[in-house]
Amino acid sequence: MARRLSRFLRKSSKDIVRLLTFSNCPCTMSNAVKWTAEAEALLKEIPFFVRPAARKKIEKFARERELQEITEAVYREAKEQFGRKK
């Protein structure tokens, strides 16, 4: 009985991990924000090791304002806000 349960859990856990990975993928999220080519070019000016965090922060900024697309203007507005000291 324990062996059967162990085998079942091993097989099932792989499927669960796949499902969770797919459901958390940004490409499947309905609130994914699109980037214009100009905004992407500006993002590439940020050092590569900081870029993923900056992208997430800018996308969150856009989502909070219910924006569908990150343009050069949105990018600059976000950058300006993040640069302010609180």
Protein backbone atom coordinates (compact mmCIF):
# COMPACT_ATOMS: atom_id res chain seq x y z
CA MET A 1 0.00 0.00 0.00
CA ALA A 2 2.77 2.45 0.92
CA ARG A 3 4.60 1.68 -2.32
CA ARG A 4 1.50 2.37 -4.40
CA LEU A 5 0.90 5.63 -2.62
CA SER A 6 4.56 6.60 -3.03
CA ARG A 7 4.47 5.85 -6.80
CA PHE A 8 1.20 7.74 -7.20
CA LEU A 9 2.57 10.80 -5.41
CA ARG A 10 5.77 10.78 -7.49
CA LYS A 11 3.80 10.67 -10.74
CA SER A 12 1.19 13.18 -9.59
CA SER A 13 3.68 15.65 -8.18
CA LYS A 14 5.32 16.04 -11.60
CA ASP A 15 1.95 16.88 -13.15
CA ILE A 16 1.16 19.33 -10.36
CA VAL A 17 4.51 21.08 -10.80
CA ARG A 18 3.93 21.34 -14.56
CA LEU A 19 0.45 22.76 -14.00
CA LEU A 20 1.65 25.31 -11.44
CA THR A 21 4.55 26.35 -13.67
CA PHE A 22 2.26 26.82 -16.65
CA SER A 23 -0.41 28.69 -14.69
CA ASN A 24 2.19 31.14 -13.31
CA CYS A 25 3.71 31.80 -16.71
CA PRO A 26 3.35 35.49 -17.66
CA CYS A 27 2.29 34.46 -21.16
CA THR A 28 -0.88 32.88 -19.73
CA MET A 29 -1.80 35.71 -17.41
CA SER A 30 -4.75 37.75 -18.58
CA ASN A 31 -3.27 40.92 -17.10
CA ALA A 32 -0.02 40.70 -19.09
CA VAL A 33 1.20 44.11 -20.23
CA LYS A 34 2.59 44.68 -23.73
CA TRP A 35 5.77 46.68 -24.35
CA THR A 36 6.35 48.94 -27.34
CA ALA A 37 9.65 48.63 -29.19
CA GLU A 38 10.71 52.07 -27.89
CA ALA A 39 10.04 51.10 -24.26
CA GLU A 40 11.91 47.79 -24.73
CA ALA A 41 14.88 49.73 -26.13
CA LEU A 42 14.90 51.98 -23.05
CA LEU A 43 14.70 48.92 -20.79
CA LYS A 44 17.83 47.53 -22.45
CA GLU A 45 19.76 50.54 -21.15
CA ILE A 46 19.36 49.09 -17.64
CA PRO A 47 22.14 46.66 -16.63
CA PHE A 48 21.18 43.07 -17.52
CA PHE A 49 21.34 41.81 -13.94
CA VAL A 50 18.78 44.40 -12.74
CA ARG A 51 16.56 44.30 -15.84
CA PRO A 52 14.14 41.51 -14.74
CA ALA A 53 13.36 43.31 -11.46
CA ALA A 54 12.97 46.64 -13.26
CA ARG A 55 10.64 45.04 -15.82
CA LYS A 56 8.42 43.60 -13.08
CA LYS A 57 8.32 46.89 -11.23
CA ILE A 58 7.39 48.86 -14.36
CA GLU A 59 4.73 46.30 -15.31
CA LYS A 60 3.26 46.52 -11.81
CA PHE A 61 3.26 50.32 -12.15
CA ALA A 62 1.31 49.99 -15.43
CA ARG A 63 -1.16 47.42 -14.05
CA GLU A 64 -1.92 49.62 -11.04
CA ARG A 65 -2.92 52.34 -13.51
CA GLU A 66 -4.90 49.82 -15.58
CA LEU A 67 -2.68 50.36 -18.63
CA GLN A 68 -2.55 47.70 -21.35
CA GLU A 69 0.72 48.83 -22.90
CA ILE A 70 4.02 50.24 -21.71
CA THR A 71 5.08 53.07 -23.97
CA GLU A 72 8.09 55.33 -23.77
CA ALA A 73 6.01 57.85 -21.81
CA VAL A 74 4.84 55.23 -19.29
CA TYR A 75 8.42 53.99 -18.90
CA ARG A 76 9.71 57.51 -18.20
CA GLU A 77 6.86 58.22 -15.77
CA ALA A 78 7.60 55.00 -13.86
CA LYS A 79 11.32 55.74 -13.84
CA GLU A 80 10.65 59.24 -12.50
CA GLN A 81 8.41 57.91 -9.73
CA PHE A 82 10.90 55.22 -8.70
CA GLY A 83 13.68 57.78 -8.58
CA ARG A 84 11.85 59.90 -6.00
CA LYS A 85 12.84 59.52 -2.38
CA LYS A 86 9.92 58.89 -0.04
